[in-house]
PDB file of N, CA and C in Angstrom:
ATOM      1  N   ILE A   1    -114.020  29.024 -51.678  1.00  0.00           N
ATOM      2  CA  ILE A   1    -113.583  27.784 -52.268  1.00  0.00           C
ATOM      3  C   ILE A   1    -114.289  26.643 -51.530  1.00  0.00           C
ATOM      4  N   ASP A   2    -114.752  25.671 -52.303  1.00  0.00           N
ATOM      5  CA  ASP A   2    -115.385  24.468 -51.778  1.00  0.00           C
ATOM      6  C   ASP A   2    -116.614  24.790 -50.929  1.00  0.00           C
ATOM      7  N   VAL A   3    -117.430  25.703 -51.421  1.00  0.00           N
ATOM      8  CA  VAL A   3    -118.666  26.058 -50.740  1.00  0.00           C
ATOM      9  C   VAL A   3    -119.824  25.713 -51.662  1.00  0.00           C
ATOM     10  N   GLU A   4    -120.775  24.970 -51.153  1.00  0.00           N
ATOM     11  CA  GLU A   4    -121.949  24.647 -51.947  1.00  0.00           C
ATOM     12  C   GLU A   4    -123.020  25.699 -51.679  1.00  0.00           C
ATOM     13  N   MET A   5    -123.336  26.488 -52.703  1.00  0.00           N
ATOM     14  CA  MET A   5    -124.325  27.546 -52.558  1.00  0.00           C
ATOM     15  C   MET A   5    -125.716  26.969 -52.778  1.00  0.00           C
ATOM     16  N   LEU A   6    -126.600  27.199 -51.844  1.00  0.00           N
ATOM     17  CA  LEU A   6    -127.969  26.716 -51.946  1.00  0.00           C
ATOM     18  C   LEU A   6    -128.929  27.888 -51.846  1.00  0.00           C
ATOM     19  N   ASN A   7    -130.085  27.753 -52.490  1.00  0.00           N
ATOM     20  CA  ASN A   7    -131.119  28.771 -52.342  1.00  0.00           C
ATOM     21  C   ASN A   7    -131.719  28.665 -50.952  1.00  0.00           C
ATOM     22  N   PRO A   8    -132.158  29.789 -50.418  1.00  0.00           N
ATOM     23  CA  PRO A   8    -132.826  29.731 -49.110  1.00  0.00           C
ATOM     24  C   PRO A   8    -134.208  29.101 -49.256  1.00  0.00           C
ATOM     25  N   ASP A   9    -134.811  28.775 -48.146  1.00  0.00           N
ATOM     26  CA  ASP A   9    -136.194  28.297 -48.134  1.00  0.00           C
ATOM     27  C   ASP A   9    -137.062  29.551 -48.242  1.00  0.00           C
ATOM     28  N   TYR A  10    -137.484  29.875 -49.461  1.00  0.00           N
ATOM     29  CA  TYR A  10    -138.212  31.113 -49.703  1.00  0.00           C
ATOM     30  C   TYR A  10    -139.552  31.148 -48.974  1.00  0.00           C
ATOM     31  N   VAL A  11    -140.184  30.002 -48.813  1.00  0.00           N
ATOM     32  CA  VAL A  11    -141.469  29.962 -48.102  1.00  0.00           C
ATOM     33  C   VAL A  11    -141.261  30.375 -46.654  1.00  0.00           C
ATOM     34  N   ARG A  12    -140.309  29.760 -45.989  1.00  0.00           N
ATOM     35  CA  ARG A  12    -140.054  30.119 -44.583  1.00  0.00           C
ATOM     36  C   ARG A  12    -139.565  31.554 -44.452  1.00  0.00           C
ATOM     37  N   PHE A  13    -138.769  32.004 -45.432  1.00  0.00           N
ATOM     38  CA  PHE A  13    -138.272  33.373 -45.403  1.00  0.00           C
ATOM     39  C   PHE A  13    -139.431  34.362 -45.485  1.00  0.00           C
ATOM     40  N   ALA A  14    -140.354  34.140 -46.411  1.00  0.00           N
ATOM     41  CA  ALA A  14    -141.515  35.025 -46.542  1.00  0.00           C
ATOM     42  C   ALA A  14    -142.368  34.982 -45.281  1.00  0.00           C
ATOM     43  N   GLU A  15    -142.574  33.785 -44.754  1.00  0.00           N
ATOM     44  CA  GLU A  15    -143.379  33.647 -43.530  1.00  0.00           C
ATOM     45  C   GLU A  15    -142.751  34.384 -42.353  1.00  0.00           C
ATOM     46  N   SER A  16    -141.423  34.475 -42.348  1.00  0.00           N
ATOM     47  CA  SER A  16    -140.756  35.181 -41.246  1.00  0.00           C
ATOM     48  C   SER A  16    -141.082  36.675 -41.252  1.00  0.00           C
ATOM     49  N   PHE A  17    -141.569  37.178 -42.391  1.00  0.00           N
ATOM     50  CA  PHE A  17    -141.995  38.566 -42.502  1.00  0.00           C
ATOM     51  C   PHE A  17    -143.508  38.709 -42.385  1.00  0.00           C
ATOM     52  N   GLY A  18    -144.184  37.607 -42.073  1.00  0.00           N
ATOM     53  CA  GLY A  18    -145.627  37.644 -41.921  1.00  0.00           C
ATOM     54  C   GLY A  18    -146.400  37.511 -43.223  1.00  0.00           C
ATOM     55  N   CYS A  19    -145.736  37.107 -44.271  1.00  0.00           N
ATOM     56  CA  CYS A  19    -146.369  36.962 -45.589  1.00  0.00           C
ATOM     57  C   CYS A  19    -146.851  35.516 -45.772  1.00  0.00           C
ATOM     58  N   ARG A  20    -148.020  35.356 -46.386  1.00  0.00           N
ATOM     59  CA  ARG A  20    -148.467  34.020 -46.769  1.00  0.00           C
ATOM     60  C   ARG A  20    -147.500  33.505 -47.819  1.00  0.00           C
ATOM     61  N   ALA A  21    -147.205  32.217 -47.773  1.00  0.00           N
ATOM     62  CA  ALA A  21    -146.269  31.644 -48.741  1.00  0.00           C
ATOM     63  C   ALA A  21    -146.592  30.185 -48.961  1.00  0.00           C
ATOM     64  N   VAL A  22    -146.367  29.744 -50.198  1.00  0.00           N
ATOM     65  CA  VAL A  22    -146.629  28.348 -50.546  1.00  0.00           C
ATOM     66  C   VAL A  22    -145.655  27.935 -51.642  1.00  0.00           C
ATOM     67  N   ARG A  23    -145.298  26.664 -51.640  1.00  0.00           N
ATOM     68  CA  ARG A  23    -144.442  26.100 -52.679  1.00  0.00           C
ATOM     69  C   ARG A  23    -145.344  25.279 -53.594  1.00  0.00           C
ATOM     70  N   ALA A  24    -145.342  25.589 -54.865  1.00  0.00           N
ATOM     71  CA  ALA A  24    -146.209  24.905 -55.823  1.00  0.00           C
ATOM     72  C   ALA A  24    -145.352  24.042 -56.752  1.00  0.00           C
ATOM     73  N   SER A  25    -145.383  22.746 -56.517  1.00  0.00           N
ATOM     74  CA  SER A  25    -144.627  21.807 -57.349  1.00  0.00           C
ATOM     75  C   SER A  25    -145.596  21.128 -58.311  1.00  0.00           C
ATOM     76  N   GLY A  26    -145.676  21.651 -59.505  1.00  0.00           N
ATOM     77  CA  GLY A  26    -146.561  21.094 -60.515  1.00  0.00           C
ATOM     78  C   GLY A  26    -147.653  22.069 -60.908  1.00  0.00           C
ATOM     79  N   SER A  27    -148.228  21.832 -62.075  1.00  0.00           N
ATOM     80  CA  SER A  27    -149.193  22.784 -62.618  1.00  0.00           C
ATOM     81  C   SER A  27    -150.483  22.845 -61.810  1.00  0.00           C
ATOM     82  N   GLU A  28    -150.956  21.720 -61.301  1.00  0.00           N
ATOM     83  CA  GLU A  28    -152.194  21.744 -60.509  1.00  0.00           C
ATOM     84  C   GLU A  28    -151.984  22.486 -59.193  1.00  0.00           C
ATOM     85  N   ALA A  29    -150.830  22.274 -58.576  1.00  0.00           N
ATOM     86  CA  ALA A  29    -150.518  22.984 -57.328  1.00  0.00           C
ATOM     87  C   ALA A  29    -150.386  24.482 -57.586  1.00  0.00           C
ATOM     88  N   LEU A  30    -149.836  24.851 -58.737  1.00  0.00           N
ATOM     89  CA  LEU A  30    -149.709  26.266 -59.074  1.00  0.00           C
ATOM     90  C   LEU A  30    -151.084  26.895 -59.292  1.00  0.00           C
ATOM     91  N   LYS A  31    -151.977  26.198 -59.986  1.00  0.00           N
ATOM     92  CA  LYS A  31    -153.335  26.714 -60.184  1.00  0.00           C
ATOM     93  C   LYS A  31    -154.020  26.956 -58.847  1.00  0.00           C
ATOM     94  N   ALA A  32    -153.911  25.992 -57.938  1.00  0.00           N
ATOM     95  CA  ALA A  32    -154.532  26.132 -56.616  1.00  0.00           C
ATOM     96  C   ALA A  32    -153.898  27.274 -55.834  1.00  0.00           C
ATOM     97  N   ALA A  33    -152.568  27.394 -55.909  1.00  0.00           N
ATOM     98  CA  ALA A  33    -151.868  28.462 -55.185  1.00  0.00           C
ATOM     99  C   ALA A  33    -152.282  29.831 -55.709  1.00  0.00           C
ATOM    100  N   LEU A  34    -152.399  29.966 -57.025  1.00  0.00           N
ATOM    101  CA  LEU A  34    -152.830  31.244 -57.604  1.00  0.00           C
ATOM    102  C   LEU A  34    -154.262  31.577 -57.204  1.00  0.00           C
ATOM    103  N   ARG A  35    -155.135  30.588 -57.250  1.00  0.00           N
ATOM    104  CA  ARG A  35    -156.535  30.799 -56.848  1.00  0.00           C
ATOM    105  C   ARG A  35    -156.599  31.270 -55.392  1.00  0.00           C
ATOM    106  N   ASP A  36    -155.871  30.594 -54.510  1.00  0.00           N
ATOM    107  CA  ASP A  36    -155.873  30.960 -53.094  1.00  0.00           C
ATOM    108  C   ASP A  36    -155.248  32.334 -52.870  1.00  0.00           C
ATOM    109  N   ALA A  37    -154.175  32.636 -53.620  1.00  0.00           N
ATOM    110  CA  ALA A  37    -153.506  33.932 -53.465  1.00  0.00           C
ATOM    111  C   ALA A  37    -154.422  35.078 -53.878  1.00  0.00           C
ATOM    112  N   LEU A  38    -155.198  34.871 -54.933  1.00  0.00           N
ATOM    113  CA  LEU A  38    -156.103  35.925 -55.391  1.00  0.00           C
ATOM    114  C   LEU A  38    -157.250  36.151 -54.415  1.00  0.00           C
ATOM    115  N   ARG A  39    -157.591  35.138 -53.665  1.00  0.00           N
ATOM    116  CA  ARG A  39    -158.660  35.261 -52.669  1.00  0.00           C
ATOM    117  C   ARG A  39    -158.155  35.782 -51.325  1.00  0.00           C
ATOM    118  N   ALA A  40    -156.859  35.715 -51.112  1.00  0.00           N
ATOM    119  CA  ALA A  40    -156.276  36.071 -49.817  1.00  0.00           C
ATOM    120  C   ALA A  40    -156.309  37.579 -49.597  1.00  0.00           C
ATOM    121  N   ASP A  41    -156.326  37.937 -48.338  1.00  0.00           N
ATOM    122  CA  ASP A  41    -156.254  39.340 -47.953  1.00  0.00           C
ATOM    123  C   ASP A  41    -154.785  39.651 -47.656  1.00  0.00           C
ATOM    124  N   GLY A  42    -154.096  40.219 -48.611  1.00  0.00           N
ATOM    125  CA  GLY A  42    -152.686  40.528 -48.437  1.00  0.00           C
ATOM    126  C   GLY A  42    -151.828  39.757 -49.423  1.00  0.00           C
ATOM    127  N   PRO A  43    -150.531  39.987 -49.353  1.00  0.00           N
ATOM    128  CA  PRO A  43    -149.622  39.370 -50.319  1.00  0.00           C
ATOM    129  C   PRO A  43    -149.412  37.886 -50.072  1.00  0.00           C
ATOM    130  N   THR A  44    -149.093  37.176 -51.148  1.00  0.00           N
ATOM    131  CA  THR A  44    -148.743  35.761 -51.078  1.00  0.00           C
ATOM    132  C   THR A  44    -147.534  35.527 -51.968  1.00  0.00           C
ATOM    133  N   LEU A  45    -146.523  34.877 -51.426  1.00  0.00           N
ATOM    134  CA  LEU A  45    -145.384  34.462 -52.223  1.00  0.00           C
ATOM    135  C   LEU A  45    -145.646  33.035 -52.688  1.00  0.00           C
ATOM    136  N   ILE A  46    -145.473  32.794 -53.988  1.00  0.00           N
ATOM    137  CA  ILE A  46    -145.613  31.448 -54.526  1.00  0.00           C
ATOM    138  C   ILE A  46    -144.271  31.042 -55.106  1.00  0.00           C
ATOM    139  N   GLU A  47    -143.651  30.050 -54.503  1.00  0.00           N
ATOM    140  CA  GLU A  47    -142.387  29.532 -55.013  1.00  0.00           C
ATOM    141  C   GLU A  47    -142.708  28.401 -55.981  1.00  0.00           C
ATOM    142  N   VAL A  48    -142.122  28.479 -57.176  1.00  0.00           N
ATOM    143  CA  VAL A  48    -142.333  27.454 -58.193  1.00  0.00           C
ATOM    144  C   VAL A  48    -140.971  26.867 -58.550  1.00  0.00           C
ATOM    145  N   PRO A  49    -140.615  25.746 -57.922  1.00  0.00           N
ATOM    146  CA  PRO A  49    -139.315  25.143 -58.230  1.00  0.00           C
ATOM    147  C   PRO A  49    -139.288  24.618 -59.666  1.00  0.00           C
ATOM    148  N   VAL A  50    -138.180  24.862 -60.360  1.00  0.00           N
ATOM    149  CA  VAL A  50    -137.996  24.347 -61.718  1.00  0.00           C
ATOM    150  C   VAL A  50    -136.617  23.703 -61.819  1.00  0.00           C
ATOM    151  N   SER A  51    -136.508  22.752 -62.719  1.00  0.00           N
ATOM    152  CA  SER A  51    -135.216  22.102 -62.942  1.00  0.00           C
ATOM    153  C   SER A  51    -134.312  23.043 -63.732  1.00  0.00           C
ATOM    154  N   LEU A  52    -133.060  22.710 -63.796  1.00  0.00           N
ATOM    155  CA  LEU A  52    -132.099  23.527 -64.534  1.00  0.00           C
ATOM    156  C   LEU A  52    -132.483  23.604 -66.008  1.00  0.00           C
ATOM    157  N   SER A  53    -132.902  22.499 -66.598  1.00  0.00           N
ATOM    158  CA  SER A  53    -133.281  22.518 -68.015  1.00  0.00           C
ATOM    159  C   SER A  53    -134.549  23.351 -68.230  1.00  0.00           C
ATOM    160  N   GLN A  54    -135.508  23.282 -67.299  1.00  0.00           N
ATOM    161  CA  GLN A  54    -136.709  24.112 -67.412  1.00  0.00           C
ATOM    162  C   GLN A  54    -136.342  25.591 -67.296  1.00  0.00           C
ATOM    163  N   ARG A  55    -135.467  25.904 -66.353  1.00  0.00           N
ATOM    164  CA  ARG A  55    -135.046  27.291 -66.178  1.00  0.00           C
ATOM    165  C   ARG A  55    -134.390  27.825 -67.441  1.00  0.00           C
ATOM    166  N   ASN A  56    -133.490  27.038 -68.027  1.00  0.00           N
ATOM    167  CA  ASN A  56    -132.799  27.483 -69.235  1.00  0.00           C
ATOM    168  C   ASN A  56    -133.776  27.667 -70.395  1.00  0.00           C
ATOM    169  N   ALA A  57    -134.769  26.794 -70.515  1.00  0.00           N
ATOM    170  CA  ALA A  57    -135.777  26.924 -71.571  1.00  0.00           C
ATOM    171  C   ALA A  57    -136.600  28.194 -71.375  1.00  0.00           C
ATOM    172  N   LEU A  58    -136.935  28.507 -70.121  1.00  0.00           N
ATOM    173  CA  LEU A  58    -137.696  29.731 -69.848  1.00  0.00           C
ATOM    174  C   LEU A  58    -136.878  30.975 -70.157  1.00  0.00           C
ATOM    175  N   ILE A  59    -135.624  30.963 -69.777  1.00  0.00           N
ATOM    176  CA  ILE A  59    -134.767  32.122 -70.006  1.00  0.00           C
ATOM    177  C   ILE A  59    -134.626  32.395 -71.497  1.00  0.00           C
ATOM    178  N   ARG A  60    -134.554  31.330 -72.312  1.00  0.00           N
ATOM    179  CA  ARG A  60    -134.422  31.519 -73.759  1.00  0.00           C
ATOM    180  C   ARG A  60    -135.649  32.182 -74.373  1.00  0.00           C
ATOM    181  N   ARG A  61    -136.778  32.164 -73.666  1.00  0.00           N
ATOM    182  CA  ARG A  61    -138.007  32.776 -74.183  1.00  0.00           C
ATOM    183  C   ARG A  61    -138.115  34.265 -73.844  1.00  0.00           C
ATOM    184  N   ILE A  62    -137.196  34.772 -73.055  1.00  0.00           N
ATOM    185  CA  ILE A  62    -137.230  36.187 -72.673  1.00  0.00           C
ATOM    186  C   ILE A  62    -136.572  36.987 -73.792  1.00  0.00           C
ATOM    187  N   PRO A  63    -137.361  37.791 -74.509  1.00  0.00           N
ATOM    188  CA  PRO A  63    -136.845  38.431 -75.722  1.00  0.00           C
ATOM    189  C   PRO A  63    -135.662  39.369 -75.510  1.00  0.00           C
ATOM    190  N   TRP A  64    -135.586  40.071 -74.399  1.00  0.00           N
ATOM    191  CA  TRP A  64    -134.464  40.992 -74.220  1.00  0.00           C
ATOM    192  C   TRP A  64    -133.184  40.272 -73.849  1.00  0.00           C
ATOM    193  N   ILE A  65    -133.257  38.980 -73.513  1.00  0.00           N
ATOM    194  CA  ILE A  65    -132.047  38.200 -73.259  1.00  0.00           C
ATOM    195  C   ILE A  65    -131.618  37.506 -74.548  1.00  0.00           C
ATOM    196  N   TYR A  66    -132.585  36.914 -75.239  1.00  0.00           N
ATOM    197  CA  TYR A  66    -132.321  36.205 -76.495  1.00  0.00           C
ATOM    198  C   TYR A  66    -133.213  36.793 -77.596  1.00  0.00           C
ATOM    199  N   PRO A  67    -132.836  37.952 -78.168  1.00  0.00           N
ATOM    200  CA  PRO A  67    -133.686  38.545 -79.212  1.00  0.00           C
ATOM    201  C   PRO A  67    -133.718  37.669 -80.457  1.00  0.00           C
ATOM    202  N   GLU A  68    -134.871  37.678 -81.131  1.00  0.00           N
ATOM    203  CA  GLU A  68    -134.977  36.940 -82.389  1.00  0.00           C
ATOM    204  C   GLU A  68    -134.115  37.609 -83.435  1.00  0.00           C
ATOM    205  N   LYS A  69    -133.523  36.797 -84.294  1.00  0.00           N
ATOM    206  CA  LYS A  69    -132.625  37.342 -85.314  1.00  0.00           C
ATOM    207  C   LYS A  69    -133.298  37.413 -86.648  1.00  0.00           C
TER     208      LYS A  69
END
């Protein structure tokens, strides 16, 4: 009761395991992060923060959650 649940800092969490990690806020940052991740030797976590409305719009596009009628 009366607890505010927050997401962890995924970048720092991944780094604590020795993984490359980056937060990409925006499409240009995501393009750069993907380019760098593909060139990297080893795994890279890319965190892409989205708003609640963006998240809901994305979820509606997943066919097994919202099948077309």
